[in-house]
Amino acid sequence: MFHFRSFYMYGVLGSAVVVGVISVALIRTFRIRAAGGAEIKLTGKPFNRVGNLAGGIIFGLGWALTGACPGPLYALLGAGYWAVLLAIAGALAGTVAYGYLKPHLPH
């Protein structure tokens, strides 16, 4: 992916962004409601440059070090790739660490 030889990953991520942008625009324009009739509230959050940068770096490093996208970790385990247990352990450790640090983080 980082050699820019394959468009697959960029195509998947890019198409997800395009679908998201179009969906939000349609929801706002036509005031679309949820299936149960509830209003869909799209509220903005203040941009946190340091938090977004730090989170992206940590996420990217984890992805690069394990060589596995976080999404299919359990599917890889089910397919017999036992090395993925390290990635799962890292993901769980990160989740626990976030749980402890959450009260001290700027949200």
PDB file of N, CA and C in Angstrom:
ATOM      1  N   MET A   1       0.825  -1.190   0.000  1.00  0.00           N
ATOM      2  CA  MET A   1       0.000   0.000   0.000  1.00  0.00           C
ATOM      3  C   MET A   1       0.866   1.250   0.000  1.00  0.00           C
ATOM      4  N   PHE A   2       1.928   1.252   0.776  1.00  0.00           N
ATOM      5  CA  PHE A   2       2.738   2.456   0.889  1.00  0.00           C
ATOM      6  C   PHE A   2       3.690   2.636  -0.285  1.00  0.00           C
ATOM      7  N   HIS A   3       3.725   1.660  -1.191  1.00  0.00           N
ATOM      8  CA  HIS A   3       4.514   1.807  -2.402  1.00  0.00           C
ATOM      9  C   HIS A   3       3.659   2.362  -3.538  1.00  0.00           C
ATOM     10  N   PHE A   4       2.396   2.610  -3.267  1.00  0.00           N
ATOM     11  CA  PHE A   4       1.446   3.171  -4.229  1.00  0.00           C
ATOM     12  C   PHE A   4       1.338   2.313  -5.488  1.00  0.00           C
ATOM     13  N   ARG A   5       1.459   0.993  -5.331  1.00  0.00           N
ATOM     14  CA  ARG A   5       1.332   0.081  -6.461  1.00  0.00           C
ATOM     15  C   ARG A   5      -0.077  -0.481  -6.576  1.00  0.00           C
ATOM     16  N   SER A   6      -0.836  -0.421  -5.522  1.00  0.00           N
ATOM     17  CA  SER A   6      -2.172  -1.002  -5.526  1.00  0.00           C
ATOM     18  C   SER A   6      -3.181   0.040  -5.052  1.00  0.00           C
ATOM     19  N   PHE A   7      -4.273   0.125  -5.770  1.00  0.00           N
ATOM     20  CA  PHE A   7      -5.295   1.113  -5.452  1.00  0.00           C
ATOM     21  C   PHE A   7      -6.366   0.565  -4.516  1.00  0.00           C
ATOM     22  N   TYR A   8      -6.338  -0.732  -4.213  1.00  0.00           N
ATOM     23  CA  TYR A   8      -7.434  -1.356  -3.476  1.00  0.00           C
ATOM     24  C   TYR A   8      -7.714  -0.682  -2.140  1.00  0.00           C
ATOM     25  N   MET A   9      -6.700  -0.522  -1.305  1.00  0.00           N
ATOM     26  CA  MET A   9      -6.926   0.059   0.021  1.00  0.00           C
ATOM     27  C   MET A   9      -7.396   1.503  -0.092  1.00  0.00           C
ATOM     28  N   TYR A  10      -6.761   2.273  -0.966  1.00  0.00           N
ATOM     29  CA  TYR A  10      -7.186   3.661  -1.136  1.00  0.00           C
ATOM     30  C   TYR A  10      -8.599   3.725  -1.705  1.00  0.00           C
ATOM     31  N   GLY A  11      -8.922   2.789  -2.584  1.00  0.00           N
ATOM     32  CA  GLY A  11     -10.266   2.748  -3.158  1.00  0.00           C
ATOM     33  C   GLY A  11     -11.322   2.453  -2.114  1.00  0.00           C
ATOM     34  N   VAL A  12     -11.036   1.506  -1.226  1.00  0.00           N
ATOM     35  CA  VAL A  12     -11.990   1.160  -0.167  1.00  0.00           C
ATOM     36  C   VAL A  12     -12.163   2.334   0.794  1.00  0.00           C
ATOM     37  N   LEU A  13     -11.049   2.887   1.273  1.00  0.00           N
ATOM     38  CA  LEU A  13     -11.138   4.002   2.221  1.00  0.00           C
ATOM     39  C   LEU A  13     -11.754   5.234   1.566  1.00  0.00           C
ATOM     40  N   GLY A  14     -11.330   5.532   0.352  1.00  0.00           N
ATOM     41  CA  GLY A  14     -11.865   6.696  -0.348  1.00  0.00           C
ATOM     42  C   GLY A  14     -13.350   6.571  -0.631  1.00  0.00           C
ATOM     43  N   SER A  15     -13.786   5.387  -1.046  1.00  0.00           N
ATOM     44  CA  SER A  15     -15.213   5.212  -1.316  1.00  0.00           C
ATOM     45  C   SER A  15     -16.028   5.308  -0.029  1.00  0.00           C
ATOM     46  N   ALA A  16     -15.465   4.863   1.089  1.00  0.00           N
ATOM     47  CA  ALA A  16     -16.166   4.999   2.371  1.00  0.00           C
ATOM     48  C   ALA A  16     -16.346   6.474   2.727  1.00  0.00           C
ATOM     49  N   VAL A  17     -15.328   7.276   2.489  1.00  0.00           N
ATOM     50  CA  VAL A  17     -15.424   8.715   2.770  1.00  0.00           C
ATOM     51  C   VAL A  17     -16.470   9.362   1.862  1.00  0.00           C
ATOM     52  N   VAL A  18     -16.448   9.028   0.588  1.00  0.00           N
ATOM     53  CA  VAL A  18     -17.407   9.608  -0.359  1.00  0.00           C
ATOM     54  C   VAL A  18     -18.839   9.227   0.021  1.00  0.00           C
ATOM     55  N   VAL A  19     -19.067   7.961   0.341  1.00  0.00           N
ATOM     56  CA  VAL A  19     -20.407   7.518   0.747  1.00  0.00           C
ATOM     57  C   VAL A  19     -20.839   8.236   2.025  1.00  0.00           C
ATOM     58  N   GLY A  20     -19.921   8.407   2.969  1.00  0.00           N
ATOM     59  CA  GLY A  20     -20.244   9.106   4.211  1.00  0.00           C
ATOM     60  C   GLY A  20     -20.615  10.560   3.979  1.00  0.00           C
ATOM     61  N   VAL A  21     -19.847  11.251   3.151  1.00  0.00           N
ATOM     62  CA  VAL A  21     -20.119  12.664   2.857  1.00  0.00           C
ATOM     63  C   VAL A  21     -21.477  12.816   2.174  1.00  0.00           C
ATOM     64  N   ILE A  22     -21.741  11.973   1.198  1.00  0.00           N
ATOM     65  CA  ILE A  22     -23.027  12.039   0.491  1.00  0.00           C
ATOM     66  C   ILE A  22     -24.180  11.710   1.441  1.00  0.00           C
ATOM     67  N   SER A  23     -24.003  10.712   2.287  1.00  0.00           N
ATOM     68  CA  SER A  23     -25.058  10.325   3.230  1.00  0.00           C
ATOM     69  C   SER A  23     -25.384  11.450   4.198  1.00  0.00           C
ATOM     70  N   VAL A  24     -24.358  12.083   4.753  1.00  0.00           N
ATOM     71  CA  VAL A  24     -24.590  13.185   5.690  1.00  0.00           C
ATOM     72  C   VAL A  24     -25.278  14.345   4.977  1.00  0.00           C
ATOM     73  N   ALA A  25     -24.863  14.640   3.756  1.00  0.00           N
ATOM     74  CA  ALA A  25     -25.503  15.722   3.001  1.00  0.00           C
ATOM     75  C   ALA A  25     -26.977  15.418   2.754  1.00  0.00           C
ATOM     76  N   LEU A  26     -27.296  14.179   2.397  1.00  0.00           N
ATOM     77  CA  LEU A  26     -28.696  13.802   2.169  1.00  0.00           C
ATOM     78  C   LEU A  26     -29.511  13.863   3.455  1.00  0.00           C
ATOM     79  N   ILE A  27     -28.936  13.401   4.559  1.00  0.00           N
ATOM     80  CA  ILE A  27     -29.643  13.442   5.844  1.00  0.00           C
ATOM     81  C   ILE A  27     -29.958  14.877   6.228  1.00  0.00           C
ATOM     82  N   ARG A  28     -28.989  15.766   6.048  1.00  0.00           N
ATOM     83  CA  ARG A  28     -29.211  17.174   6.411  1.00  0.00           C
ATOM     84  C   ARG A  28     -30.188  17.851   5.456  1.00  0.00           C
ATOM     85  N   THR A  29     -30.058  17.591   4.170  1.00  0.00           N
ATOM     86  CA  THR A  29     -30.899  18.260   3.178  1.00  0.00           C
ATOM     87  C   THR A  29     -32.362  17.852   3.291  1.00  0.00           C
ATOM     88  N   PHE A  30     -32.602  16.556   3.409  1.00  0.00           N
ATOM     89  CA  PHE A  30     -33.973  16.050   3.406  1.00  0.00           C
ATOM     90  C   PHE A  30     -34.498  15.723   4.800  1.00  0.00           C
ATOM     91  N   ARG A  31     -33.721  16.038   5.826  1.00  0.00           N
ATOM     92  CA  ARG A  31     -34.108  15.787   7.222  1.00  0.00           C
ATOM     93  C   ARG A  31     -34.616  14.354   7.395  1.00  0.00           C
ATOM     94  N   ILE A  32     -33.825  13.438   6.924  1.00  0.00           N
ATOM     95  CA  ILE A  32     -34.168  12.016   6.988  1.00  0.00           C
ATOM     96  C   ILE A  32     -34.198  11.571   8.442  1.00  0.00           C
ATOM     97  N   ARG A  33     -35.153  10.712   8.766  1.00  0.00           N
ATOM     98  CA  ARG A  33     -35.293  10.196  10.128  1.00  0.00           C
ATOM     99  C   ARG A  33     -34.853   8.741  10.188  1.00  0.00           C
ATOM    100  N   ALA A  34     -34.595   8.271  11.392  1.00  0.00           N
ATOM    101  CA  ALA A  34     -34.211   6.874  11.605  1.00  0.00           C
ATOM    102  C   ALA A  34     -35.405   5.969  11.329  1.00  0.00           C
ATOM    103  N   ALA A  35     -35.169   4.668  11.269  1.00  0.00           N
ATOM    104  CA  ALA A  35     -36.227   3.706  10.943  1.00  0.00           C
ATOM    105  C   ALA A  35     -37.410   3.812  11.903  1.00  0.00           C
ATOM    106  N   GLY A  36     -37.158   4.091  13.176  1.00  0.00           N
ATOM    107  CA  GLY A  36     -38.230   4.202  14.159  1.00  0.00           C
ATOM    108  C   GLY A  36     -38.885   5.569  14.185  1.00  0.00           C
ATOM    109  N   GLY A  37     -38.456   6.469  13.311  1.00  0.00           N
ATOM    110  CA  GLY A  37     -39.035   7.801  13.261  1.00  0.00           C
ATOM    111  C   GLY A  37     -38.284   8.834  14.079  1.00  0.00           C
ATOM    112  N   ALA A  38     -37.239   8.409  14.793  1.00  0.00           N
ATOM    113  CA  ALA A  38     -36.478   9.351  15.616  1.00  0.00           C
ATOM    114  C   ALA A  38     -35.634  10.268  14.737  1.00  0.00           C
ATOM    115  N   GLU A  39     -35.462  11.492  15.208  1.00  0.00           N
ATOM    116  CA  GLU A  39     -34.651  12.457  14.484  1.00  0.00           C
ATOM    117  C   GLU A  39     -33.178  12.058  14.552  1.00  0.00           C
ATOM    118  N   ILE A  40     -32.481  12.203  13.443  1.00  0.00           N
ATOM    119  CA  ILE A  40     -31.042  11.932  13.411  1.00  0.00           C
ATOM    120  C   ILE A  40     -30.331  13.242  13.701  1.00  0.00           C
ATOM    121  N   LYS A  41     -29.610  13.295  14.804  1.00  0.00           N
ATOM    122  CA  LYS A  41     -28.912  14.514  15.201  1.00  0.00           C
ATOM    123  C   LYS A  41     -27.438  14.391  14.837  1.00  0.00           C
ATOM    124  N   LEU A  42     -26.983  15.274  13.990  1.00  0.00           N
ATOM    125  CA  LEU A  42     -25.582  15.306  13.585  1.00  0.00           C
ATOM    126  C   LEU A  42     -24.940  16.525  14.236  1.00  0.00           C
ATOM    127  N   THR A  43     -24.250  16.288  15.325  1.00  0.00           N
ATOM    128  CA  THR A  43     -23.621  17.386  16.045  1.00  0.00           C
ATOM    129  C   THR A  43     -22.125  17.367  15.795  1.00  0.00           C
ATOM    130  N   GLY A  44     -21.553  18.517  15.692  1.00  0.00           N
ATOM    131  CA  GLY A  44     -20.120  18.631  15.461  1.00  0.00           C
ATOM    132  C   GLY A  44     -19.333  18.549  16.754  1.00  0.00           C
ATOM    133  N   LYS A  45     -18.070  18.225  16.618  1.00  0.00           N
ATOM    134  CA  LYS A  45     -17.161  18.203  17.758  1.00  0.00           C
ATOM    135  C   LYS A  45     -16.027  19.168  17.460  1.00  0.00           C
ATOM    136  N   PRO A  46     -15.488  19.806  18.483  1.00  0.00           N
ATOM    137  CA  PRO A  46     -14.349  20.688  18.227  1.00  0.00           C
ATOM    138  C   PRO A  46     -13.154  19.876  17.723  1.00  0.00           C
ATOM    139  N   PHE A  47     -12.420  20.443  16.787  1.00  0.00           N
ATOM    140  CA  PHE A  47     -11.256  19.770  16.213  1.00  0.00           C
ATOM    141  C   PHE A  47     -10.115  19.785  17.218  1.00  0.00           C
ATOM    142  N   ASN A  48      -9.562  18.617  17.491  1.00  0.00           N
ATOM    143  CA  ASN A  48      -8.456  18.475  18.437  1.00  0.00           C
ATOM    144  C   ASN A  48      -7.236  18.011  17.652  1.00  0.00           C
ATOM    145  N   ARG A  49      -6.404  18.942  17.241  1.00  0.00           N
ATOM    146  CA  ARG A  49      -5.260  18.631  16.385  1.00  0.00           C
ATOM    147  C   ARG A  49      -4.309  17.641  17.038  1.00  0.00           C
ATOM    148  N   VAL A  50      -3.936  17.875  18.281  1.00  0.00           N
ATOM    149  CA  VAL A  50      -2.980  16.995  18.965  1.00  0.00           C
ATOM    150  C   VAL A  50      -3.589  15.614  19.181  1.00  0.00           C
ATOM    151  N   GLY A  51      -4.831  15.561  19.613  1.00  0.00           N
ATOM    152  CA  GLY A  51      -5.487  14.280  19.852  1.00  0.00           C
ATOM    153  C   GLY A  51      -5.653  13.469  18.580  1.00  0.00           C
ATOM    154  N   ASN A  52      -6.066  14.136  17.496  1.00  0.00           N
ATOM    155  CA  ASN A  52      -6.225  13.426  16.226  1.00  0.00           C
ATOM    156  C   ASN A  52      -4.884  12.935  15.698  1.00  0.00           C
ATOM    157  N   LEU A  53      -3.864  13.760  15.819  1.00  0.00           N
ATOM    158  CA  LEU A  53      -2.540  13.372  15.341  1.00  0.00           C
ATOM    159  C   LEU A  53      -1.981  12.218  16.167  1.00  0.00           C
ATOM    160  N   ALA A  54      -2.071  12.326  17.491  1.00  0.00           N
ATOM    161  CA  ALA A  54      -1.553  11.257  18.361  1.00  0.00           C
ATOM    162  C   ALA A  54      -2.330   9.961  18.146  1.00  0.00           C
ATOM    163  N   GLY A  55      -3.641  10.038  18.079  1.00  0.00           N
ATOM    164  CA  GLY A  55      -4.449   8.843  17.860  1.00  0.00           C
ATOM    165  C   GLY A  55      -4.162   8.191  16.521  1.00  0.00           C
ATOM    166  N   GLY A  56      -4.008   8.996  15.489  1.00  0.00           N
ATOM    167  CA  GLY A  56      -3.694   8.460  14.167  1.00  0.00           C
ATOM    168  C   GLY A  56      -2.335   7.790  14.126  1.00  0.00           C
ATOM    169  N   ILE A  57      -1.366   8.392  14.804  1.00  0.00           N
ATOM    170  CA  ILE A  57      -0.023   7.799  14.844  1.00  0.00           C
ATOM    171  C   ILE A  57      -0.044   6.476  15.594  1.00  0.00           C
ATOM    172  N   ILE A  58      -0.707   6.438  16.741  1.00  0.00           N
ATOM    173  CA  ILE A  58      -0.772   5.196  17.523  1.00  0.00           C
ATOM    174  C   ILE A  58      -1.498   4.109  16.730  1.00  0.00           C
ATOM    175  N   PHE A  59      -2.620   4.465  16.125  1.00  0.00           N
ATOM    176  CA  PHE A  59      -3.383   3.499  15.333  1.00  0.00           C
ATOM    177  C   PHE A  59      -2.550   3.004  14.151  1.00  0.00           C
ATOM    178  N   GLY A  60      -1.912   3.918  13.446  1.00  0.00           N
ATOM    179  CA  GLY A  60      -1.099   3.547  12.290  1.00  0.00           C
ATOM    180  C   GLY A  60       0.099   2.695  12.658  1.00  0.00           C
ATOM    181  N   LEU A  61       0.741   3.016  13.779  1.00  0.00           N
ATOM    182  CA  LEU A  61       1.874   2.201  14.223  1.00  0.00           C
ATOM    183  C   LEU A  61       1.432   0.785  14.566  1.00  0.00           C
ATOM    184  N   GLY A  62       0.310   0.663  15.240  1.00  0.00           N
ATOM    185  CA  GLY A  62      -0.201  -0.664  15.569  1.00  0.00           C
ATOM    186  C   GLY A  62      -0.517  -1.461  14.320  1.00  0.00           C
ATOM    187  N   TRP A  63      -1.116  -0.809  13.355  1.00  0.00           N
ATOM    188  CA  TRP A  63      -1.458  -1.466  12.100  1.00  0.00           C
ATOM    189  C   TRP A  63      -0.184  -1.887  11.366  1.00  0.00           C
ATOM    190  N   ALA A  64       0.805  -0.982  11.330  1.00  0.00           N
ATOM    191  CA  ALA A  64       2.053  -1.282  10.618  1.00  0.00           C
ATOM    192  C   ALA A  64       2.861  -2.376  11.315  1.00  0.00           C
ATOM    193  N   LEU A  65       2.913  -2.337  12.631  1.00  0.00           N
ATOM    194  CA  LEU A  65       3.703  -3.333  13.364  1.00  0.00           C
ATOM    195  C   LEU A  65       3.105  -4.731  13.269  1.00  0.00           C
ATOM    196  N   THR A  66       1.793  -4.820  13.291  1.00  0.00           N
ATOM    197  CA  THR A  66       1.157  -6.138  13.228  1.00  0.00           C
ATOM    198  C   THR A  66       0.962  -6.609  11.796  1.00  0.00           C
ATOM    199  N   GLY A  67       0.901  -5.682  10.871  1.00  0.00           N
ATOM    200  CA  GLY A  67       0.644  -6.048   9.485  1.00  0.00           C
ATOM    201  C   GLY A  67      -0.779  -6.497   9.257  1.00  0.00           C
ATOM    202  N   ALA A  68      -1.661  -6.202  10.198  1.00  0.00           N
ATOM    203  CA  ALA A  68      -3.050  -6.648  10.092  1.00  0.00           C
ATOM    204  C   ALA A  68      -3.989  -5.484  10.365  1.00  0.00           C
ATOM    205  N   CYS A  69      -4.993  -5.369   9.534  1.00  0.00           N
ATOM    206  CA  CYS A  69      -6.061  -4.412   9.778  1.00  0.00           C
ATOM    207  C   CYS A  69      -6.791  -4.848  11.043  1.00  0.00           C
ATOM    208  N   PRO A  70      -7.172  -3.923  11.913  1.00  0.00           N
ATOM    209  CA  PRO A  70      -7.849  -4.315  13.149  1.00  0.00           C
ATOM    210  C   PRO A  70      -9.195  -5.001  12.928  1.00  0.00           C
ATOM    211  N   GLY A  71      -9.842  -4.754  11.814  1.00  0.00           N
ATOM    212  CA  GLY A  71     -11.167  -5.325  11.573  1.00  0.00           C
ATOM    213  C   GLY A  71     -11.228  -6.843  11.584  1.00  0.00           C
ATOM    214  N   PRO A  72     -10.401  -7.523  10.805  1.00  0.00           N
ATOM    215  CA  PRO A  72     -10.541  -8.981  10.694  1.00  0.00           C
ATOM    216  C   PRO A  72      -9.660  -9.782  11.647  1.00  0.00           C
ATOM    217  N   LEU A  73      -9.286  -9.225  12.783  1.00  0.00           N
ATOM    218  CA  LEU A  73      -8.390  -9.955  13.686  1.00  0.00           C
ATOM    219  C   LEU A  73      -8.966 -11.309  14.087  1.00  0.00           C
ATOM    220  N   TYR A  74     -10.228 -11.336  14.461  1.00  0.00           N
ATOM    221  CA  TYR A  74     -10.819 -12.601  14.906  1.00  0.00           C
ATOM    222  C   TYR A  74     -11.028 -13.557  13.734  1.00  0.00           C
ATOM    223  N   ALA A  75     -11.286 -13.019  12.558  1.00  0.00           N
ATOM    224  CA  ALA A  75     -11.403 -13.880  11.380  1.00  0.00           C
ATOM    225  C   ALA A  75     -10.057 -14.521  11.059  1.00  0.00           C
ATOM    226  N   LEU A  76      -8.980 -13.749  11.201  1.00  0.00           N
ATOM    227  CA  LEU A  76      -7.642 -14.307  10.979  1.00  0.00           C
ATOM    228  C   LEU A  76      -7.337 -15.394  12.002  1.00  0.00           C
ATOM    229  N   LEU A  77      -7.753 -15.176  13.236  1.00  0.00           N
ATOM    230  CA  LEU A  77      -7.556 -16.192  14.270  1.00  0.00           C
ATOM    231  C   LEU A  77      -8.325 -17.461  13.908  1.00  0.00           C
ATOM    232  N   GLY A  78      -9.544 -17.295  13.465  1.00  0.00           N
ATOM    233  CA  GLY A  78     -10.350 -18.443  13.066  1.00  0.00           C
ATOM    234  C   GLY A  78      -9.777 -19.178  11.869  1.00  0.00           C
ATOM    235  N   ALA A  79      -9.022 -18.459  11.044  1.00  0.00           N
ATOM    236  CA  ALA A  79      -8.401 -19.086   9.875  1.00  0.00           C
ATOM    237  C   ALA A  79      -7.097 -19.787  10.236  1.00  0.00           C
ATOM    238  N   GLY A  80      -6.703 -19.697  11.511  1.00  0.00           N
ATOM    239  CA  GLY A  80      -5.519 -20.426  11.954  1.00  0.00           C
ATOM    240  C   GLY A  80      -4.240 -19.623  12.022  1.00  0.00           C
ATOM    241  N   TYR A  81      -4.316 -18.319  11.879  1.00  0.00           N
ATOM    242  CA  TYR A  81      -3.125 -17.476  11.988  1.00  0.00           C
ATOM    243  C   TYR A  81      -2.905 -17.130  13.462  1.00  0.00           C
ATOM    244  N   TRP A  82      -2.177 -17.990  14.156  1.00  0.00           N
ATOM    245  CA  TRP A  82      -2.023 -17.853  15.604  1.00  0.00           C
ATOM    246  C   TRP A  82      -1.230 -16.614  15.997  1.00  0.00           C
ATOM    247  N   ALA A  83      -0.384 -16.108  15.117  1.00  0.00           N
ATOM    248  CA  ALA A  83       0.398 -14.914  15.435  1.00  0.00           C
ATOM    249  C   ALA A  83      -0.494 -13.703  15.682  1.00  0.00           C
ATOM    250  N   VAL A  84      -1.720 -13.753  15.178  1.00  0.00           N
ATOM    251  CA  VAL A  84      -2.639 -12.638  15.363  1.00  0.00           C
ATOM    252  C   VAL A  84      -3.048 -12.484  16.833  1.00  0.00           C
ATOM    253  N   LEU A  85      -2.779 -13.501  17.651  1.00  0.00           N
ATOM    254  CA  LEU A  85      -3.063 -13.383  19.088  1.00  0.00           C
ATOM    255  C   LEU A  85      -2.308 -12.208  19.706  1.00  0.00           C
ATOM    256  N   LEU A  86      -1.114 -11.923  19.201  1.00  0.00           N
ATOM    257  CA  LEU A  86      -0.362 -10.765  19.699  1.00  0.00           C
ATOM    258  C   LEU A  86      -1.082  -9.463  19.366  1.00  0.00           C
ATOM    259  N   ALA A  87      -1.616  -9.372  18.175  1.00  0.00           N
ATOM    260  CA  ALA A  87      -2.359  -8.172  17.789  1.00  0.00           C
ATOM    261  C   ALA A  87      -3.631  -8.026  18.616  1.00  0.00           C
ATOM    262  N   ILE A  88      -4.318  -9.137  18.860  1.00  0.00           N
ATOM    263  CA  ILE A  88      -5.532  -9.097  19.684  1.00  0.00           C
ATOM    264  C   ILE A  88      -5.182  -8.682  21.108  1.00  0.00           C
ATOM    265  N   ALA A  89      -4.087  -9.225  21.644  1.00  0.00           N
ATOM    266  CA  ALA A  89      -3.652  -8.840  22.994  1.00  0.00           C
ATOM    267  C   ALA A  89      -3.315  -7.356  23.044  1.00  0.00           C
ATOM    268  N   GLY A  90      -2.662  -6.851  22.006  1.00  0.00           N
ATOM    269  CA  GLY A  90      -2.350  -5.423  21.950  1.00  0.00           C
ATOM    270  C   GLY A  90      -3.597  -4.565  21.874  1.00  0.00           C
ATOM    271  N   ALA A  91      -4.581  -5.006  21.095  1.00  0.00           N
ATOM    272  CA  ALA A  91      -5.837  -4.259  20.993  1.00  0.00           C
ATOM    273  C   ALA A  91      -6.565  -4.232  22.332  1.00  0.00           C
ATOM    274  N   LEU A  92      -6.588  -5.366  23.015  1.00  0.00           N
ATOM    275  CA  LEU A  92      -7.237  -5.421  24.330  1.00  0.00           C
ATOM    276  C   LEU A  92      -6.486  -4.577  25.349  1.00  0.00           C
ATOM    277  N   ALA A  93      -5.153  -4.615  25.312  1.00  0.00           N
ATOM    278  CA  ALA A  93      -4.357  -3.791  26.233  1.00  0.00           C
ATOM    279  C   ALA A  93      -4.606  -2.309  25.974  1.00  0.00           C
ATOM    280  N   GLY A  94      -4.704  -1.929  24.711  1.00  0.00           N
ATOM    281  CA  GLY A  94      -5.000  -0.539  24.382  1.00  0.00           C
ATOM    282  C   GLY A  94      -6.375  -0.116  24.852  1.00  0.00           C
ATOM    283  N   THR A  95      -7.341  -1.011  24.760  1.00  0.00           N
ATOM    284  CA  THR A  95      -8.697  -0.718  25.227  1.00  0.00           C
ATOM    285  C   THR A  95      -8.722  -0.522  26.734  1.00  0.00           C
ATOM    286  N   VAL A  96      -8.023  -1.391  27.458  1.00  0.00           N
ATOM    287  CA  VAL A  96      -7.953  -1.273  28.921  1.00  0.00           C
ATOM    288  C   VAL A  96      -7.237   0.020  29.306  1.00  0.00           C
ATOM    289  N   ALA A  97      -6.129   0.325  28.627  1.00  0.00           N
ATOM    290  CA  ALA A  97      -5.389   1.557  28.924  1.00  0.00           C
ATOM    291  C   ALA A  97      -6.267   2.779  28.688  1.00  0.00           C
ATOM    292  N   TYR A  98      -7.027   2.776  27.597  1.00  0.00           N
ATOM    293  CA  TYR A  98      -7.924   3.894  27.330  1.00  0.00           C
ATOM    294  C   TYR A  98      -8.976   4.025  28.425  1.00  0.00           C
ATOM    295  N   GLY A  99      -9.493   2.904  28.888  1.00  0.00           N
ATOM    296  CA  GLY A  99     -10.487   2.940  29.963  1.00  0.00           C
ATOM    297  C   GLY A  99      -9.956   3.616  31.214  1.00  0.00           C
ATOM    298  N   TYR A 100      -8.706   3.351  31.539  1.00  0.00           N
ATOM    299  CA  TYR A 100      -8.104   3.971  32.716  1.00  0.00           C
ATOM    300  C   TYR A 100      -7.742   5.435  32.475  1.00  0.00           C
ATOM    301  N   LEU A 101      -7.320   5.763  31.265  1.00  0.00           N
ATOM    302  CA  LEU A 101      -6.860   7.121  30.968  1.00  0.00           C
ATOM    303  C   LEU A 101      -7.980   8.063  30.546  1.00  0.00           C
ATOM    304  N   LYS A 102      -9.138   7.537  30.207  1.00  0.00           N
ATOM    305  CA  LYS A 102     -10.225   8.359  29.679  1.00  0.00           C
ATOM    306  C   LYS A 102     -10.569   9.564  30.555  1.00  0.00           C
ATOM    307  N   PRO A 103     -10.650   9.412  31.894  1.00  0.00           N
ATOM    308  CA  PRO A 103     -10.990  10.586  32.705  1.00  0.00           C
ATOM    309  C   PRO A 103      -9.955  11.711  32.623  1.00  0.00           C
ATOM    310  N   HIS A 104      -8.746  11.383  32.211  1.00  0.00           N
ATOM    311  CA  HIS A 104      -7.677  12.383  32.172  1.00  0.00           C
ATOM    312  C   HIS A 104      -7.435  12.938  30.773  1.00  0.00           C
ATOM    313  N   LEU A 105      -8.178  12.448  29.790  1.00  0.00           N
ATOM    314  CA  LEU A 105      -7.993  12.887  28.414  1.00  0.00           C
ATOM    315  C   LEU A 105      -8.992  13.982  28.066  1.00  0.00           C
ATOM    316  N   PRO A 106      -8.578  14.929  27.216  1.00  0.00           N
ATOM    317  CA  PRO A 106      -9.515  15.988  26.801  1.00  0.00           C
ATOM    318  C   PRO A 106     -10.494  15.456  25.763  1.00  0.00           C
ATOM    319  N   HIS A 107     -11.761  15.376  26.135  1.00  0.00           N
ATOM    320  CA  HIS A 107     -12.788  14.897  25.201  1.00  0.00           C
ATOM    321  C   HIS A 107     -13.692  16.036  24.828  1.00  0.00           C
TER     322      HIS A 107
END
